[in-house]
């Protein structure tokens, strides 16, 4: 996966958030939301790719966001029999 340094920059400390808020003229809440959204933008494609690699081409018709949920579209548990 990524380097260990990437994880710490994805989750800045409260003091770093305050510093970034001051430098960017945003609120600390806006900075926090930016990091949340950035993690989603980065992680979602990686998770979708891993899902496609795991389940192959047949997974194109399935919603990759269901891969992490315990209940699928048909109401079945997350154990796939196909």
PDB file of N, CA and C in Angstrom:
ATOM      1  N   UNK A   1       0.841  -1.175   0.000  1.00  0.00           N
ATOM      2  CA  UNK A   1       0.000   0.000   0.000  1.00  0.00           C
ATOM      3  C   UNK A   1       0.888   1.241   0.000  1.00  0.00           C
ATOM      4  N   UNK A   2       0.494   2.297   0.682  1.00  0.00           N
ATOM      5  CA  UNK A   2       1.277   3.523   0.650  1.00  0.00           C
ATOM      6  C   UNK A   2       2.359   3.532   1.706  1.00  0.00           C
ATOM      7  N   UNK A   3       3.155   4.582   1.682  1.00  0.00           N
ATOM      8  CA  UNK A   3       4.183   4.714   2.704  1.00  0.00           C
ATOM      9  C   UNK A   3       3.553   5.117   4.022  1.00  0.00           C
ATOM     10  N   UNK A   4       4.235   4.871   5.108  1.00  0.00           N
ATOM     11  CA  UNK A   4       3.672   5.199   6.405  1.00  0.00           C
ATOM     12  C   UNK A   4       3.516   6.711   6.584  1.00  0.00           C
ATOM     13  N   UNK A   5       4.292   7.497   5.874  1.00  0.00           N
ATOM     14  CA  UNK A   5       4.172   8.947   5.953  1.00  0.00           C
ATOM     15  C   UNK A   5       2.871   9.460   5.382  1.00  0.00           C
ATOM     16  N   UNK A   6       2.297   8.735   4.410  1.00  0.00           N
ATOM     17  CA  UNK A   6       1.052   9.152   3.788  1.00  0.00           C
ATOM     18  C   UNK A   6      -0.120   9.109   4.743  1.00  0.00           C
ATOM     19  N   UNK A   7      -0.121   8.116   5.640  1.00  0.00           N
ATOM     20  CA  UNK A   7      -1.221   7.996   6.577  1.00  0.00           C
ATOM     21  C   UNK A   7      -1.252   9.159   7.553  1.00  0.00           C
ATOM     22  N   UNK A   8      -0.088   9.586   8.050  1.00  0.00           N
ATOM     23  CA  UNK A   8      -0.070  10.666   9.031  1.00  0.00           C
ATOM     24  C   UNK A   8      -0.479  11.993   8.409  1.00  0.00           C
ATOM     25  N   UNK A   9      -0.162  12.204   7.127  1.00  0.00           N
ATOM     26  CA  UNK A   9      -0.569  13.454   6.492  1.00  0.00           C
ATOM     27  C   UNK A   9      -2.049  13.436   6.142  1.00  0.00           C
ATOM     28  N   UNK A  10      -2.644  12.241   6.025  1.00  0.00           N
ATOM     29  CA  UNK A  10      -4.074  12.134   5.765  1.00  0.00           C
ATOM     30  C   UNK A  10      -4.889  12.423   7.018  1.00  0.00           C
ATOM     31  N   UNK A  11      -4.256  12.284   8.160  1.00  0.00           N
ATOM     32  CA  UNK A  11      -4.906  12.512   9.446  1.00  0.00           C
ATOM     33  C   UNK A  11      -4.087  13.524  10.252  1.00  0.00           C
ATOM     34  N   UNK A  12      -4.177  14.805   9.877  1.00  0.00           N
ATOM     35  CA  UNK A  12      -3.377  15.805  10.586  1.00  0.00           C
ATOM     36  C   UNK A  12      -3.867  16.001  12.027  1.00  0.00           C
ATOM     37  N   UNK A  13      -2.943  16.403  12.864  1.00  0.00           N
ATOM     38  CA  UNK A  13      -3.293  16.683  14.257  1.00  0.00           C
ATOM     39  C   UNK A  13      -4.162  17.934  14.326  1.00  0.00           C
ATOM     40  N   UNK A  14      -4.790  18.126  15.454  1.00  0.00           N
ATOM     41  CA  UNK A  14      -5.632  19.319  15.634  1.00  0.00           C
ATOM     42  C   UNK A  14      -4.813  20.593  15.468  1.00  0.00           C
ATOM     43  N   UNK A  15      -3.560  20.584  15.964  1.00  0.00           N
ATOM     44  CA  UNK A  15      -2.724  21.782  15.831  1.00  0.00           C
ATOM     45  C   UNK A  15      -2.379  22.044  14.364  1.00  0.00           C
ATOM     46  N   UNK A  16      -2.153  20.983  13.579  1.00  0.00           N
ATOM     47  CA  UNK A  16      -1.889  21.178  12.149  1.00  0.00           C
ATOM     48  C   UNK A  16      -3.128  21.697  11.433  1.00  0.00           C
ATOM     49  N   UNK A  17      -4.305  21.205  11.826  1.00  0.00           N
ATOM     50  CA  UNK A  17      -5.546  21.697  11.227  1.00  0.00           C
ATOM     51  C   UNK A  17      -5.720  23.182  11.522  1.00  0.00           C
ATOM     52  N   UNK A  18      -5.430  23.572  12.747  1.00  0.00           N
ATOM     53  CA  UNK A  18      -5.537  24.990  13.111  1.00  0.00           C
ATOM     54  C   UNK A  18      -4.549  25.840  12.324  1.00  0.00           C
ATOM     55  N   UNK A  19      -3.330  25.337  12.151  1.00  0.00           N
ATOM     56  CA  UNK A  19      -2.323  26.059  11.383  1.00  0.00           C
ATOM     57  C   UNK A  19      -2.777  26.196   9.925  1.00  0.00           C
ATOM     58  N   UNK A  20      -3.265  25.109   9.326  1.00  0.00           N
ATOM     59  CA  UNK A  20      -3.746  25.152   7.950  1.00  0.00           C
ATOM     60  C   UNK A  20      -4.943  26.091   7.807  1.00  0.00           C
ATOM     61  N   UNK A  21      -5.829  26.068   8.793  1.00  0.00           N
ATOM     62  CA  UNK A  21      -6.991  26.964   8.759  1.00  0.00           C
ATOM     63  C   UNK A  21      -6.545  28.415   8.770  1.00  0.00           C
ATOM     64  N   UNK A  22      -5.568  28.714   9.590  1.00  0.00           N
ATOM     65  CA  UNK A  22      -5.050  30.075   9.676  1.00  0.00           C
ATOM     66  C   UNK A  22      -4.402  30.504   8.360  1.00  0.00           C
ATOM     67  N   UNK A  23      -3.615  29.607   7.771  1.00  0.00           N
ATOM     68  CA  UNK A  23      -2.910  29.927   6.534  1.00  0.00           C
ATOM     69  C   UNK A  23      -3.842  30.052   5.336  1.00  0.00           C
ATOM     70  N   UNK A  24      -4.928  29.291   5.339  1.00  0.00           N
ATOM     71  CA  UNK A  24      -5.829  29.278   4.186  1.00  0.00           C
ATOM     72  C   UNK A  24      -7.063  30.147   4.371  1.00  0.00           C
ATOM     73  N   UNK A  25      -7.198  30.738   5.557  1.00  0.00           N
ATOM     74  CA  UNK A  25      -8.371  31.549   5.901  1.00  0.00           C
ATOM     75  C   UNK A  25      -9.669  30.745   5.852  1.00  0.00           C
ATOM     76  N   UNK A  26      -9.551  29.471   6.185  1.00  0.00           N
ATOM     77  CA  UNK A  26     -10.714  28.600   6.320  1.00  0.00           C
ATOM     78  C   UNK A  26     -10.932  28.327   7.800  1.00  0.00           C
ATOM     79  N   UNK A  27     -12.097  27.779   8.128  1.00  0.00           N
ATOM     80  CA  UNK A  27     -12.313  27.365   9.512  1.00  0.00           C
ATOM     81  C   UNK A  27     -11.663  26.003   9.722  1.00  0.00           C
ATOM     82  N   UNK A  28     -11.442  25.635  10.986  1.00  0.00           N
ATOM     83  CA  UNK A  28     -10.876  24.323  11.277  1.00  0.00           C
ATOM     84  C   UNK A  28     -11.817  23.235  10.777  1.00  0.00           C
ATOM     85  N   UNK A  29     -13.118  23.467  10.872  1.00  0.00           N
ATOM     86  CA  UNK A  29     -14.099  22.507  10.387  1.00  0.00           C
ATOM     87  C   UNK A  29     -13.986  22.326   8.871  1.00  0.00           C
ATOM     88  N   UNK A  30     -13.771  23.404   8.139  1.00  0.00           N
ATOM     89  CA  UNK A  30     -13.601  23.305   6.690  1.00  0.00           C
ATOM     90  C   UNK A  30     -12.343  22.506   6.339  1.00  0.00           C
ATOM     91  N   UNK A  31     -11.280  22.735   7.081  1.00  0.00           N
ATOM     92  CA  UNK A  31     -10.040  21.982   6.853  1.00  0.00           C
ATOM     93  C   UNK A  31     -10.271  20.503   7.149  1.00  0.00           C
ATOM     94  N   UNK A  32     -10.939  20.204   8.244  1.00  0.00           N
ATOM     95  CA  UNK A  32     -11.239  18.811   8.589  1.00  0.00           C
ATOM     96  C   UNK A  32     -12.067  18.151   7.494  1.00  0.00           C
ATOM     97  N   UNK A  33     -13.077  18.857   7.009  1.00  0.00           N
ATOM     98  CA  UNK A  33     -13.921  18.314   5.944  1.00  0.00           C
ATOM     99  C   UNK A  33     -13.127  18.093   4.668  1.00  0.00           C
ATOM    100  N   UNK A  34     -12.186  18.992   4.374  1.00  0.00           N
ATOM    101  CA  UNK A  34     -11.366  18.826   3.180  1.00  0.00           C
ATOM    102  C   UNK A  34     -10.577  17.517   3.266  1.00  0.00           C
ATOM    103  N   UNK A  35      -9.990  17.247   4.432  1.00  0.00           N
ATOM    104  CA  UNK A  35      -9.223  16.014   4.592  1.00  0.00           C
ATOM    105  C   UNK A  35     -10.123  14.784   4.502  1.00  0.00           C
ATOM    106  N   UNK A  36     -11.316  14.858   5.073  1.00  0.00           N
ATOM    107  CA  UNK A  36     -12.263  13.742   4.967  1.00  0.00           C
ATOM    108  C   UNK A  36     -12.586  13.479   3.506  1.00  0.00           C
ATOM    109  N   UNK A  37     -12.926  14.531   2.772  1.00  0.00           N
ATOM    110  CA  UNK A  37     -13.268  14.385   1.358  1.00  0.00           C
ATOM    111  C   UNK A  37     -12.083  13.903   0.536  1.00  0.00           C
ATOM    112  N   UNK A  38     -10.888  14.381   0.839  1.00  0.00           N
ATOM    113  CA  UNK A  38      -9.695  13.955   0.108  1.00  0.00           C
ATOM    114  C   UNK A  38      -9.431  12.471   0.329  1.00  0.00           C
ATOM    115  N   UNK A  39      -9.619  12.002   1.565  1.00  0.00           N
ATOM    116  CA  UNK A  39      -9.421  10.572   1.825  1.00  0.00           C
ATOM    117  C   UNK A  39     -10.418   9.744   1.033  1.00  0.00           C
ATOM    118  N   UNK A  40     -11.667  10.198   0.966  1.00  0.00           N
ATOM    119  CA  UNK A  40     -12.680   9.472   0.194  1.00  0.00           C
ATOM    120  C   UNK A  40     -12.302   9.452  -1.279  1.00  0.00           C
ATOM    121  N   UNK A  41     -11.861  10.595  -1.809  1.00  0.00           N
ATOM    122  CA  UNK A  41     -11.478  10.662  -3.225  1.00  0.00           C
ATOM    123  C   UNK A  41     -10.315   9.729  -3.521  1.00  0.00           C
ATOM    124  N   UNK A  42      -9.397   9.567  -2.582  1.00  0.00           N
ATOM    125  CA  UNK A  42      -8.244   8.697  -2.795  1.00  0.00           C
ATOM    126  C   UNK A  42      -8.571   7.233  -2.538  1.00  0.00           C
ATOM    127  N   UNK A  43      -9.313   6.965  -1.473  1.00  0.00           N
ATOM    128  CA  UNK A  43      -9.563   5.585  -1.082  1.00  0.00           C
ATOM    129  C   UNK A  43     -10.603   4.898  -1.944  1.00  0.00           C
ATOM    130  N   UNK A  44     -11.658   5.603  -2.347  1.00  0.00           N
ATOM    131  CA  UNK A  44     -12.729   4.958  -3.094  1.00  0.00           C
ATOM    132  C   UNK A  44     -12.217   4.290  -4.370  1.00  0.00           C
ATOM    133  N   UNK A  45     -11.434   4.974  -5.234  1.00  0.00           N
ATOM    134  CA  UNK A  45     -10.924   4.288  -6.435  1.00  0.00           C
ATOM    135  C   UNK A  45     -10.043   3.087  -6.103  1.00  0.00           C
ATOM    136  N   UNK A  46      -9.256   3.179  -5.030  1.00  0.00           N
ATOM    137  CA  UNK A  46      -8.407   2.047  -4.655  1.00  0.00           C
ATOM    138  C   UNK A  46      -9.258   0.856  -4.223  1.00  0.00           C
ATOM    139  N   UNK A  47     -10.288   1.105  -3.447  1.00  0.00           N
ATOM    140  CA  UNK A  47     -11.170   0.031  -2.986  1.00  0.00           C
ATOM    141  C   UNK A  47     -11.910  -0.584  -4.167  1.00  0.00           C
ATOM    142  N   UNK A  48     -12.388   0.267  -5.080  1.00  0.00           N
ATOM    143  CA  UNK A  48     -13.085  -0.248  -6.256  1.00  0.00           C
ATOM    144  C   UNK A  48     -12.167  -1.110  -7.112  1.00  0.00           C
ATOM    145  N   UNK A  49     -10.916  -0.684  -7.272  1.00  0.00           N
ATOM    146  CA  UNK A  49      -9.957  -1.466  -8.054  1.00  0.00           C
ATOM    147  C   UNK A  49      -9.672  -2.806  -7.385  1.00  0.00           C
ATOM    148  N   UNK A  50      -9.491  -2.797  -6.078  1.00  0.00           N
ATOM    149  CA  UNK A  50      -9.251  -4.043  -5.351  1.00  0.00           C
ATOM    150  C   UNK A  50     -10.458  -4.976  -5.495  1.00  0.00           C
ATOM    151  N   UNK A  51     -11.648  -4.412  -5.444  1.00  0.00           N
ATOM    152  CA  UNK A  51     -12.867  -5.197  -5.584  1.00  0.00           C
ATOM    153  C   UNK A  51     -12.926  -5.838  -6.971  1.00  0.00           C
ATOM    154  N   UNK A  52     -12.602  -5.050  -8.008  1.00  0.00           N
ATOM    155  CA  UNK A  52     -12.603  -5.587  -9.381  1.00  0.00           C
ATOM    156  C   UNK A  52     -11.561  -6.689  -9.531  1.00  0.00           C
ATOM    157  N   UNK A  53     -10.388  -6.492  -8.950  1.00  0.00           N
ATOM    158  CA  UNK A  53      -9.342  -7.515  -9.028  1.00  0.00           C
ATOM    159  C   UNK A  53      -9.768  -8.788  -8.309  1.00  0.00           C
ATOM    160  N   UNK A  54     -10.446  -8.638  -7.190  1.00  0.00           N
ATOM    161  CA  UNK A  54     -10.870  -9.791  -6.395  1.00  0.00           C
ATOM    162  C   UNK A  54     -11.980 -10.579  -7.084  1.00  0.00           C
ATOM    163  N   UNK A  55     -12.973  -9.871  -7.639  1.00  0.00           N
ATOM    164  CA  UNK A  55     -14.154 -10.532  -8.163  1.00  0.00           C
ATOM    165  C   UNK A  55     -14.221 -10.549  -9.685  1.00  0.00           C
ATOM    166  N   UNK A  56     -13.252  -9.955 -10.364  1.00  0.00           N
ATOM    167  CA  UNK A  56     -13.154 -10.027 -11.812  1.00  0.00           C
ATOM    168  C   UNK A  56     -14.191  -9.197 -12.546  1.00  0.00           C
ATOM    169  N   UNK A  57     -14.318  -9.488 -13.835  1.00  0.00           N
ATOM    170  CA  UNK A  57     -15.198  -8.723 -14.718  1.00  0.00           C
ATOM    171  C   UNK A  57     -16.661  -8.842 -14.327  1.00  0.00           C
ATOM    172  N   UNK A  58     -17.081  -9.953 -13.741  1.00  0.00           N
ATOM    173  CA  UNK A  58     -18.484 -10.145 -13.387  1.00  0.00           C
ATOM    174  C   UNK A  58     -18.960  -9.132 -12.361  1.00  0.00           C
ATOM    175  N   UNK A  59     -18.037  -8.450 -11.701  1.00  0.00           N
ATOM    176  CA  UNK A  59     -18.406  -7.477 -10.681  1.00  0.00           C
ATOM    177  C   UNK A  59     -18.806  -6.128 -11.260  1.00  0.00           C
ATOM    178  N   UNK A  60     -18.696  -5.949 -12.587  1.00  0.00           N
ATOM    179  CA  UNK A  60     -19.037  -4.662 -13.186  1.00  0.00           C
ATOM    180  C   UNK A  60     -20.497  -4.309 -12.966  1.00  0.00           C
ATOM    181  N   UNK A  61     -21.374  -5.312 -12.868  1.00  0.00           N
ATOM    182  CA  UNK A  61     -22.794  -5.058 -12.671  1.00  0.00           C
ATOM    183  C   UNK A  61     -23.145  -4.827 -11.213  1.00  0.00           C
ATOM    184  N   UNK A  62     -22.195  -5.078 -10.335  1.00  0.00           N
ATOM    185  CA  UNK A  62     -22.443  -4.919  -8.909  1.00  0.00           C
ATOM    186  C   UNK A  62     -21.934  -3.574  -8.438  1.00  0.00           C
ATOM    187  N   UNK A  63     -22.503  -3.088  -7.358  1.00  0.00           N
ATOM    188  CA  UNK A  63     -22.101  -1.822  -6.770  1.00  0.00           C
ATOM    189  C   UNK A  63     -20.913  -2.070  -5.850  1.00  0.00           C
ATOM    190  N   UNK A  64     -19.695  -1.558  -6.181  1.00  0.00           N
ATOM    191  CA  UNK A  64     -18.518  -1.813  -5.349  1.00  0.00           C
ATOM    192  C   UNK A  64     -18.662  -1.297  -3.925  1.00  0.00           C
ATOM    193  N   UNK A  65     -19.527  -0.316  -3.705  1.00  0.00           N
ATOM    194  CA  UNK A  65     -19.691   0.197  -2.349  1.00  0.00           C
ATOM    195  C   UNK A  65     -20.330  -0.844  -1.443  1.00  0.00           C
ATOM    196  N   UNK A  66     -20.963  -1.853  -2.043  1.00  0.00           N
ATOM    197  CA  UNK A  66     -21.559  -2.908  -1.236  1.00  0.00           C
ATOM    198  C   UNK A  66     -20.528  -3.903  -0.736  1.00  0.00           C
ATOM    199  N   UNK A  67     -19.323  -3.850  -1.283  1.00  0.00           N
ATOM    200  CA  UNK A  67     -18.285  -4.804  -0.904  1.00  0.00           C
ATOM    201  C   UNK A  67     -17.973  -4.731   0.576  1.00  0.00           C
ATOM    202  N   UNK A  68     -18.084  -3.567   1.173  1.00  0.00           N
ATOM    203  CA  UNK A  68     -17.737  -3.423   2.579  1.00  0.00           C
ATOM    204  C   UNK A  68     -18.953  -3.523   3.485  1.00  0.00           C
ATOM    205  N   UNK A  69     -20.154  -3.584   2.907  1.00  0.00           N
ATOM    206  CA  UNK A  69     -21.341  -3.677   3.751  1.00  0.00           C
ATOM    207  C   UNK A  69     -21.650  -5.132   4.043  1.00  0.00           C
ATOM    208  N   UNK A  70     -22.422  -5.372   5.071  1.00  0.00           N
ATOM    209  CA  UNK A  70     -22.736  -6.738   5.440  1.00  0.00           C
ATOM    210  C   UNK A  70     -23.955  -7.261   4.700  1.00  0.00           C
ATOM    211  N   UNK A  71     -24.728  -6.384   4.053  1.00  0.00           N
ATOM    212  CA  UNK A  71     -25.909  -6.804   3.330  1.00  0.00           C
ATOM    213  C   UNK A  71     -25.817  -6.299   1.904  1.00  0.00           C
ATOM    214  N   UNK A  72     -26.012  -7.186   0.943  1.00  0.00           N
ATOM    215  CA  UNK A  72     -25.942  -6.828  -0.471  1.00  0.00           C
ATOM    216  C   UNK A  72     -27.271  -6.335  -0.996  1.00  0.00           C
ATOM    217  N   UNK A  73     -27.347  -6.170  -2.312  1.00  0.00           N
ATOM    218  CA  UNK A  73     -28.536  -5.660  -2.970  1.00  0.00           C
ATOM    219  C   UNK A  73     -29.754  -6.540  -2.737  1.00  0.00           C
ATOM    220  N   UNK A  74     -29.569  -7.857  -2.775  1.00  0.00           N
ATOM    221  CA  UNK A  74     -30.691  -8.776  -2.610  1.00  0.00           C
ATOM    222  C   UNK A  74     -30.993  -9.065  -1.149  1.00  0.00           C
ATOM    223  N   UNK A  75     -30.280  -8.433  -0.241  1.00  0.00           N
ATOM    224  CA  UNK A  75     -30.509  -8.668   1.170  1.00  0.00           C
ATOM    225  C   UNK A  75     -29.714  -9.848   1.702  1.00  0.00           C
ATOM    226  N   UNK A  76     -28.791 -10.388   0.905  1.00  0.00           N
ATOM    227  CA  UNK A  76     -27.968 -11.511   1.348  1.00  0.00           C
ATOM    228  C   UNK A  76     -26.818 -11.000   2.189  1.00  0.00           C
ATOM    229  N   UNK A  77     -26.224 -11.885   2.961  1.00  0.00           N
ATOM    230  CA  UNK A  77     -25.040 -11.500   3.719  1.00  0.00           C
ATOM    231  C   UNK A  77     -23.891 -11.279   2.762  1.00  0.00           C
ATOM    232  N   UNK A  78     -22.754 -10.801   3.262  1.00  0.00           N
ATOM    233  CA  UNK A  78     -21.628 -10.448   2.403  1.00  0.00           C
ATOM    234  C   UNK A  78     -20.858 -11.660   1.892  1.00  0.00           C
ATOM    235  N   UNK A  79     -21.281 -12.860   2.171  1.00  0.00           N
ATOM    236  CA  UNK A  79     -20.597 -14.028   1.644  1.00  0.00           C
ATOM    237  C   UNK A  79     -21.129 -14.321   0.254  1.00  0.00           C
ATOM    238  N   UNK A  80     -20.234 -14.221  -0.732  1.00  0.00           N
ATOM    239  CA  UNK A  80     -20.618 -14.405  -2.132  1.00  0.00           C
ATOM    240  C   UNK A  80     -20.472 -15.872  -2.519  1.00  0.00           C
ATOM    241  N   UNK A  81     -21.493 -16.403  -3.171  1.00  0.00           N
ATOM    242  CA  UNK A  81     -21.441 -17.773  -3.633  1.00  0.00           C
ATOM    243  C   UNK A  81     -21.176 -17.866  -5.122  1.00  0.00           C
ATOM    244  N   UNK A  82     -21.098 -16.735  -5.829  1.00  0.00           N
ATOM    245  CA  UNK A  82     -20.887 -16.750  -7.269  1.00  0.00           C
ATOM    246  C   UNK A  82     -19.534 -16.405  -7.636  1.00  0.00           C
TER     247      UNK A  82
END
